PDB file of N, CA and C in Angstrom:
ATOM      1  N   MET A   1       0.813  -1.194  -0.011  1.00  0.00           N
ATOM      2  CA  MET A   1       0.005  -0.007   0.019  1.00  0.00           C
ATOM      3  C   MET A   1       0.869   1.267   0.000  1.00  0.00           C
ATOM      4  N   ASN A   2       2.125   1.169   0.325  1.00  0.00           N
ATOM      5  CA  ASN A   2       3.044   2.302   0.353  1.00  0.00           C
ATOM      6  C   ASN A   2       3.512   2.673  -1.031  1.00  0.00           C
ATOM      7  N   GLU A   3       3.326   1.857  -2.039  1.00  0.00           N
ATOM      8  CA  GLU A   3       3.838   2.077  -3.358  1.00  0.00           C
ATOM      9  C   GLU A   3       3.361   3.388  -3.983  1.00  0.00           C
ATOM     10  N   PRO A   4       2.061   3.726  -3.965  1.00  0.00           N
ATOM     11  CA  PRO A   4       1.666   5.009  -4.559  1.00  0.00           C
ATOM     12  C   PRO A   4       2.330   6.215  -3.921  1.00  0.00           C
ATOM     13  N   ILE A   5       2.544   6.187  -2.604  1.00  0.00           N
ATOM     14  CA  ILE A   5       3.228   7.293  -1.932  1.00  0.00           C
ATOM     15  C   ILE A   5       4.696   7.345  -2.377  1.00  0.00           C
ATOM     16  N   ASN A   6       5.354   6.194  -2.453  1.00  0.00           N
ATOM     17  CA  ASN A   6       6.722   6.159  -2.907  1.00  0.00           C
ATOM     18  C   ASN A   6       6.842   6.594  -4.345  1.00  0.00           C
ATOM     19  N   ASP A   7       5.923   6.163  -5.193  1.00  0.00           N
ATOM     20  CA  ASP A   7       5.939   6.579  -6.591  1.00  0.00           C
ATOM     21  C   ASP A   7       5.748   8.097  -6.719  1.00  0.00           C
ATOM     22  N   ARG A   8       4.834   8.633  -5.935  1.00  0.00           N
ATOM     23  CA  ARG A   8       4.559  10.067  -5.949  1.00  0.00           C
ATOM     24  C   ARG A   8       5.776  10.848  -5.523  1.00  0.00           C
ATOM     25  N   LEU A   9       6.428  10.401  -4.477  1.00  0.00           N
ATOM     26  CA  LEU A   9       7.634  11.088  -3.997  1.00  0.00           C
ATOM     27  C   LEU A   9       8.772  10.975  -5.021  1.00  0.00           C
ATOM     28  N   LYS A  10       8.895   9.830  -5.650  1.00  0.00           N
ATOM     29  CA  LYS A  10       9.902   9.631  -6.683  1.00  0.00           C
ATOM     30  C   LYS A  10       9.669  10.608  -7.841  1.00  0.00           C
ATOM     31  N   GLU A  11       8.458  10.714  -8.285  1.00  0.00           N
ATOM     32  CA  GLU A  11       8.123  11.613  -9.402  1.00  0.00           C
ATOM     33  C   GLU A  11       8.224  13.065  -8.994  1.00  0.00           C
ATOM     34  N   LEU A  12       7.916  13.385  -7.775  1.00  0.00           N
ATOM     35  CA  LEU A  12       8.060  14.765  -7.281  1.00  0.00           C
ATOM     36  C   LEU A  12       9.548  15.170  -7.243  1.00  0.00           C
ATOM     37  N   LYS A  13      10.401  14.274  -6.806  1.00  0.00           N
ATOM     38  CA  LYS A  13      11.865  14.510  -6.811  1.00  0.00           C
ATOM     39  C   LYS A  13      12.316  14.680  -8.265  1.00  0.00           C
ATOM     40  N   ARG A  14      11.812  13.878  -9.157  1.00  0.00           N
ATOM     41  CA  ARG A  14      12.203  13.989 -10.583  1.00  0.00           C
ATOM     42  C   ARG A  14      11.795  15.347 -11.150  1.00  0.00           C
ATOM     43  N   PHE A  15      10.578  15.791 -10.791  1.00  0.00           N
ATOM     44  CA  PHE A  15      10.050  17.091 -11.261  1.00  0.00           C
ATOM     45  C   PHE A  15      11.007  18.223 -10.782  1.00  0.00           C
ATOM     46  N   TYR A  16      11.351  18.204  -9.506  1.00  0.00           N
ATOM     47  CA  TYR A  16      12.242  19.250  -8.988  1.00  0.00           C
ATOM     48  C   TYR A  16      13.625  19.138  -9.590  1.00  0.00           C
ATOM     49  N   ASP A  17      14.108  17.951  -9.897  1.00  0.00           N
ATOM     50  CA  ASP A  17      15.407  17.797 -10.585  1.00  0.00           C
ATOM     51  C   ASP A  17      15.342  18.425 -11.963  1.00  0.00           C
ATOM     52  N   LEU A  18      14.227  18.245 -12.664  1.00  0.00           N
ATOM     53  CA  LEU A  18      14.057  18.865 -13.996  1.00  0.00           C
ATOM     54  C   LEU A  18      14.024  20.373 -13.890  1.00  0.00           C
ATOM     55  N   LEU A  19      13.344  20.906 -12.862  1.00  0.00           N
ATOM     56  CA  LEU A  19      13.347  22.334 -12.658  1.00  0.00           C
ATOM     57  C   LEU A  19      14.777  22.866 -12.367  1.00  0.00           C
ATOM     58  N   ALA A  20      15.503  22.126 -11.558  1.00  0.00           N
ATOM     59  CA  ALA A  20      16.885  22.532 -11.259  1.00  0.00           C
ATOM     60  C   ALA A  20      17.725  22.516 -12.501  1.00  0.00           C
ATOM     61  N   HIS A  21      17.512  21.563 -13.394  1.00  0.00           N
ATOM     62  CA  HIS A  21      18.249  21.491 -14.653  1.00  0.00           C
ATOM     63  C   HIS A  21      17.934  22.706 -15.540  1.00  0.00           C
ATOM     64  N   LEU A  22      16.660  23.067 -15.594  1.00  0.00           N
ATOM     65  CA  LEU A  22      16.271  24.259 -16.363  1.00  0.00           C
ATOM     66  C   LEU A  22      16.885  25.514 -15.796  1.00  0.00           C
ATOM     67  N   GLU A  23      16.926  25.607 -14.468  1.00  0.00           N
ATOM     68  CA  GLU A  23      17.524  26.767 -13.816  1.00  0.00           C
ATOM     69  C   GLU A  23      19.011  26.803 -14.143  1.00  0.00           C
ATOM     70  N   TYR A  24      19.680  25.668 -14.107  1.00  0.00           N
ATOM     71  CA  TYR A  24      21.109  25.609 -14.442  1.00  0.00           C
ATOM     72  C   TYR A  24      21.335  26.044 -15.888  1.00  0.00           C
ATOM     73  N   LYS A  25      20.484  25.527 -16.787  1.00  0.00           N
ATOM     74  CA  LYS A  25      20.626  25.804 -18.204  1.00  0.00           C
ATOM     75  C   LYS A  25      20.393  27.302 -18.485  1.00  0.00           C
ATOM     76  N   ASN A  26      19.441  27.922 -17.786  1.00  0.00           N
ATOM     77  CA  ASN A  26      19.160  29.344 -17.973  1.00  0.00           C
ATOM     78  C   ASN A  26      20.087  30.269 -17.172  1.00  0.00           C
ATOM     79  N   GLY A  27      20.791  29.671 -16.205  1.00  0.00           N
ATOM     80  CA  GLY A  27      21.692  30.461 -15.382  1.00  0.00           C
ATOM     81  C   GLY A  27      21.052  31.011 -14.146  1.00  0.00           C
ATOM     82  N   THR A  28      19.764  31.019 -14.056  1.00  0.00           N
ATOM     83  CA  THR A  28      19.068  31.537 -12.870  1.00  0.00           C
ATOM     84  C   THR A  28      17.571  31.302 -12.991  1.00  0.00           C
ATOM     85  N   LYS A  29      16.872  31.568 -11.903  1.00  0.00           N
ATOM     86  CA  LYS A  29      15.406  31.636 -11.963  1.00  0.00           C
ATOM     87  C   LYS A  29      15.074  33.020 -12.417  1.00  0.00           C
ATOM     88  N   ILE A  30      13.938  33.196 -13.056  1.00  0.00           N
ATOM     89  CA  ILE A  30      13.473  34.491 -13.482  1.00  0.00           C
ATOM     90  C   ILE A  30      12.585  35.045 -12.395  1.00  0.00           C
ATOM     91  N   ASN A  31      12.892  36.243 -11.911  1.00  0.00           N
ATOM     92  CA  ASN A  31      12.093  36.843 -10.860  1.00  0.00           C
ATOM     93  C   ASN A  31      10.811  37.434 -11.500  1.00  0.00           C
ATOM     94  N   LEU A  32       9.686  37.060 -10.912  1.00  0.00           N
ATOM     95  CA  LEU A  32       8.402  37.452 -11.442  1.00  0.00           C
ATOM     96  C   LEU A  32       8.237  38.980 -11.510  1.00  0.00           C
ATOM     97  N   SER A  33       8.851  39.696 -10.590  1.00  0.00           N
ATOM     98  CA  SER A  33       8.718  41.156 -10.514  1.00  0.00           C
ATOM     99  C   SER A  33       9.309  41.854 -11.731  1.00  0.00           C
ATOM    100  N   ILE A  34      10.193  41.178 -12.491  1.00  0.00           N
ATOM    101  CA  ILE A  34      10.777  41.821 -13.678  1.00  0.00           C
ATOM    102  C   ILE A  34      10.118  41.331 -14.947  1.00  0.00           C
ATOM    103  N   CYS A  35       9.160  40.476 -14.853  1.00  0.00           N
ATOM    104  CA  CYS A  35       8.511  39.924 -16.052  1.00  0.00           C
ATOM    105  C   CYS A  35       7.434  40.889 -16.609  1.00  0.00           C
ATOM    106  N   ASN A  36       7.240  40.767 -17.890  1.00  0.00           N
ATOM    107  CA  ASN A  36       6.187  41.573 -18.539  1.00  0.00           C
ATOM    108  C   ASN A  36       5.683  40.852 -19.769  1.00  0.00           C
ATOM    109  N   GLY A  37       4.640  41.365 -20.378  1.00  0.00           N
ATOM    110  CA  GLY A  37       4.031  40.723 -21.567  1.00  0.00           C
ATOM    111  C   GLY A  37       4.842  40.839 -22.816  1.00  0.00           C
ATOM    112  N   LYS A  38       5.863  41.642 -22.824  1.00  0.00           N
ATOM    113  CA  LYS A  38       6.698  41.850 -24.023  1.00  0.00           C
ATOM    114  C   LYS A  38       7.857  40.834 -24.080  1.00  0.00           C
ATOM    115  N   MET A  39       8.005  40.061 -23.032  1.00  0.00           N
ATOM    116  CA  MET A  39       9.072  39.020 -23.030  1.00  0.00           C
ATOM    117  C   MET A  39       8.722  37.912 -23.991  1.00  0.00           C
ATOM    118  N   ASN A  40       9.697  37.176 -24.438  1.00  0.00           N
ATOM    119  CA  ASN A  40       9.499  36.060 -25.361  1.00  0.00           C
ATOM    120  C   ASN A  40       8.998  34.815 -24.621  1.00  0.00           C
ATOM    121  N   TRP A  41       7.699  34.814 -24.303  1.00  0.00           N
ATOM    122  CA  TRP A  41       7.122  33.712 -23.556  1.00  0.00           C
ATOM    123  C   TRP A  41       6.682  32.587 -24.532  1.00  0.00           C
ATOM    124  N   PRO A  42       6.783  31.328 -24.140  1.00  0.00           N
ATOM    125  CA  PRO A  42       6.285  30.251 -24.966  1.00  0.00           C
ATOM    126  C   PRO A  42       4.771  30.331 -25.090  1.00  0.00           C
ATOM    127  N   LYS A  43       4.256  29.858 -26.196  1.00  0.00           N
ATOM    128  CA  LYS A  43       2.792  29.884 -26.425  1.00  0.00           C
ATOM    129  C   LYS A  43       2.068  28.873 -25.519  1.00  0.00           C
ATOM    130  N   GLN A  44       2.770  27.822 -25.160  1.00  0.00           N
ATOM    131  CA  GLN A  44       2.182  26.796 -24.256  1.00  0.00           C
ATOM    132  C   GLN A  44       3.158  26.491 -23.164  1.00  0.00           C
ATOM    133  N   GLY A  45       2.659  25.928 -22.084  1.00  0.00           N
ATOM    134  CA  GLY A  45       3.549  25.508 -21.020  1.00  0.00           C
ATOM    135  C   GLY A  45       2.939  25.725 -19.654  1.00  0.00           C
ATOM    136  N   ILE A  46       3.786  25.503 -18.662  1.00  0.00           N
ATOM    137  CA  ILE A  46       3.380  25.743 -17.284  1.00  0.00           C
ATOM    138  C   ILE A  46       4.348  26.742 -16.675  1.00  0.00           C
ATOM    139  N   TYR A  47       3.872  27.434 -15.681  1.00  0.00           N
ATOM    140  CA  TYR A  47       4.706  28.387 -14.951  1.00  0.00           C
ATOM    141  C   TYR A  47       4.795  27.917 -13.521  1.00  0.00           C
ATOM    142  N   VAL A  48       6.000  27.893 -12.987  1.00  0.00           N
ATOM    143  CA  VAL A  48       6.233  27.443 -11.594  1.00  0.00           C
ATOM    144  C   VAL A  48       6.729  28.664 -10.811  1.00  0.00           C
ATOM    145  N   PHE A  49       6.063  28.938  -9.747  1.00  0.00           N
ATOM    146  CA  PHE A  49       6.435  30.070  -8.901  1.00  0.00           C
ATOM    147  C   PHE A  49       6.914  29.545  -7.562  1.00  0.00           C
ATOM    148  N   TYR A  50       8.014  30.137  -7.068  1.00  0.00           N
ATOM    149  CA  TYR A  50       8.527  29.819  -5.744  1.00  0.00           C
ATOM    150  C   TYR A  50       8.284  30.995  -4.831  1.00  0.00           C
ATOM    151  N   GLU A  51       7.971  30.711  -3.592  1.00  0.00           N
ATOM    152  CA  GLU A  51       7.812  31.766  -2.629  1.00  0.00           C
ATOM    153  C   GLU A  51       9.163  32.024  -1.969  1.00  0.00           C
ATOM    154  N   ALA A  52       9.467  33.263  -1.709  1.00  0.00           N
ATOM    155  CA  ALA A  52      10.748  33.631  -1.052  1.00  0.00           C
ATOM    156  C   ALA A  52      10.886  32.804   0.243  1.00  0.00           C
ATOM    157  N   GLY A  53      12.031  32.173   0.417  1.00  0.00           N
ATOM    158  CA  GLY A  53      12.273  31.380   1.603  1.00  0.00           C
ATOM    159  C   GLY A  53      11.646  29.989   1.592  1.00  0.00           C
ATOM    160  N   GLU A  54      11.031  29.626   0.518  1.00  0.00           N
ATOM    161  CA  GLU A  54      10.385  28.316   0.393  1.00  0.00           C
ATOM    162  C   GLU A  54      11.443  27.222   0.455  1.00  0.00           C
ATOM    163  N   SER A  55      11.133  26.160   1.213  1.00  0.00           N
ATOM    164  CA  SER A  55      12.054  25.020   1.247  1.00  0.00           C
ATOM    165  C   SER A  55      11.225  23.740   1.224  1.00  0.00           C
ATOM    166  N   ARG A  56      11.830  22.693   0.714  1.00  0.00           N
ATOM    167  CA  ARG A  56      11.174  21.386   0.647  1.00  0.00           C
ATOM    168  C   ARG A  56      11.779  20.501   1.731  1.00  0.00           C
ATOM    169  N   THR A  57      11.004  19.545   2.145  1.00  0.00           N
ATOM    170  CA  THR A  57      11.498  18.635   3.179  1.00  0.00           C
ATOM    171  C   THR A  57      11.691  17.223   2.594  1.00  0.00           C
ATOM    172  N   GLU A  58      10.651  16.470   2.472  1.00  0.00           N
ATOM    173  CA  GLU A  58      10.725  15.088   2.043  1.00  0.00           C
ATOM    174  C   GLU A  58      11.155  14.941   0.587  1.00  0.00           C
ATOM    175  N   SER A  59      10.854  15.925  -0.248  1.00  0.00           N
ATOM    176  CA  SER A  59      11.185  15.802  -1.641  1.00  0.00           C
ATOM    177  C   SER A  59      12.597  16.266  -1.986  1.00  0.00           C
ATOM    178  N   GLY A  60      13.374  16.613  -0.954  1.00  0.00           N
ATOM    179  CA  GLY A  60      14.778  17.003  -1.160  1.00  0.00           C
ATOM    180  C   GLY A  60      14.832  18.417  -1.571  1.00  0.00           C
TER     181      GLY A  60
END
Protein backbone atom coordinates (compact mmCIF):
# COMPACT_ATOMS: atom_id res chain seq x y z
CA MET A 1 0.00 0.00 0.00
CA ASN A 2 3.03 2.30 0.36
CA GLU A 3 3.84 2.09 -3.36
CA PRO A 4 1.65 5.01 -4.57
CA ILE A 5 3.23 7.30 -1.94
CA ASN A 6 6.73 6.15 -2.90
CA ASP A 7 5.94 6.59 -6.60
CA ARG A 8 4.55 10.07 -5.96
CA LEU A 9 7.64 11.07 -3.99
CA LYS A 10 9.91 9.64 -6.67
CA GLU A 11 8.11 11.60 -9.39
CA LEU A 12 8.07 14.77 -7.28
CA LYS A 13 11.85 14.51 -6.83
CA ARG A 14 12.21 13.99 -10.59
CA PHE A 15 10.07 17.09 -11.25
CA TYR A 16 12.25 19.24 -8.98
CA ASP A 17 15.40 17.79 -10.58
CA LEU A 18 14.06 18.86 -13.99
CA LEU A 19 13.34 22.36 -12.66
CA ALA A 20 16.89 22.54 -11.25
CA HIS A 21 18.24 21.49 -14.66
CA LEU A 22 16.27 24.26 -16.37
CA GLU A 23 17.54 26.77 -13.82
CA TYR A 24 21.12 25.62 -14.44
CA LYS A 25 20.62 25.81 -18.20
CA ASN A 26 19.17 29.34 -17.97
CA GLY A 27 21.71 30.47 -15.39
CA THR A 28 19.07 31.54 -12.87
CA LYS A 29 15.42 31.62 -11.95
CA ILE A 30 13.48 34.49 -13.48
CA ASN A 31 12.10 36.87 -10.87
CA LEU A 32 8.39 37.46 -11.45
CA SER A 33 8.70 41.14 -10.52
CA ILE A 34 10.79 41.81 -13.67
CA CYS A 35 8.49 39.92 -16.05
CA ASN A 36 6.19 41.58 -18.54
CA GLY A 37 4.03 40.73 -21.55
CA LYS A 38 6.71 41.85 -24.01
CA MET A 39 9.08 39.04 -23.04
CA ASN A 40 9.50 36.07 -25.37
CA TRP A 41 7.12 33.70 -23.58
CA PRO A 42 6.28 30.24 -24.96
CA LYS A 43 2.80 29.88 -26.43
CA GLN A 44 2.18 26.80 -24.27
CA GLY A 45 3.54 25.50 -21.02
CA ILE A 46 3.37 25.75 -17.29
CA TYR A 47 4.71 28.38 -14.96
CA VAL A 48 6.23 27.45 -11.61
CA PHE A 49 6.43 30.08 -8.90
CA TYR A 50 8.54 29.83 -5.76
CA GLU A 51 7.80 31.75 -2.60
CA ALA A 52 10.75 33.61 -1.05
CA GLY A 53 12.28 31.37 1.61
CA GLU A 54 10.38 28.31 0.41
CA SER A 55 12.05 25.02 1.24
CA ARG A 56 11.17 21.40 0.63
CA THR A 57 11.51 18.62 3.17
CA GLU A 58 10.73 15.08 2.03
CA SER A 59 11.18 15.81 -1.66
CA GLY A 60 14.76 17.01 -1.15
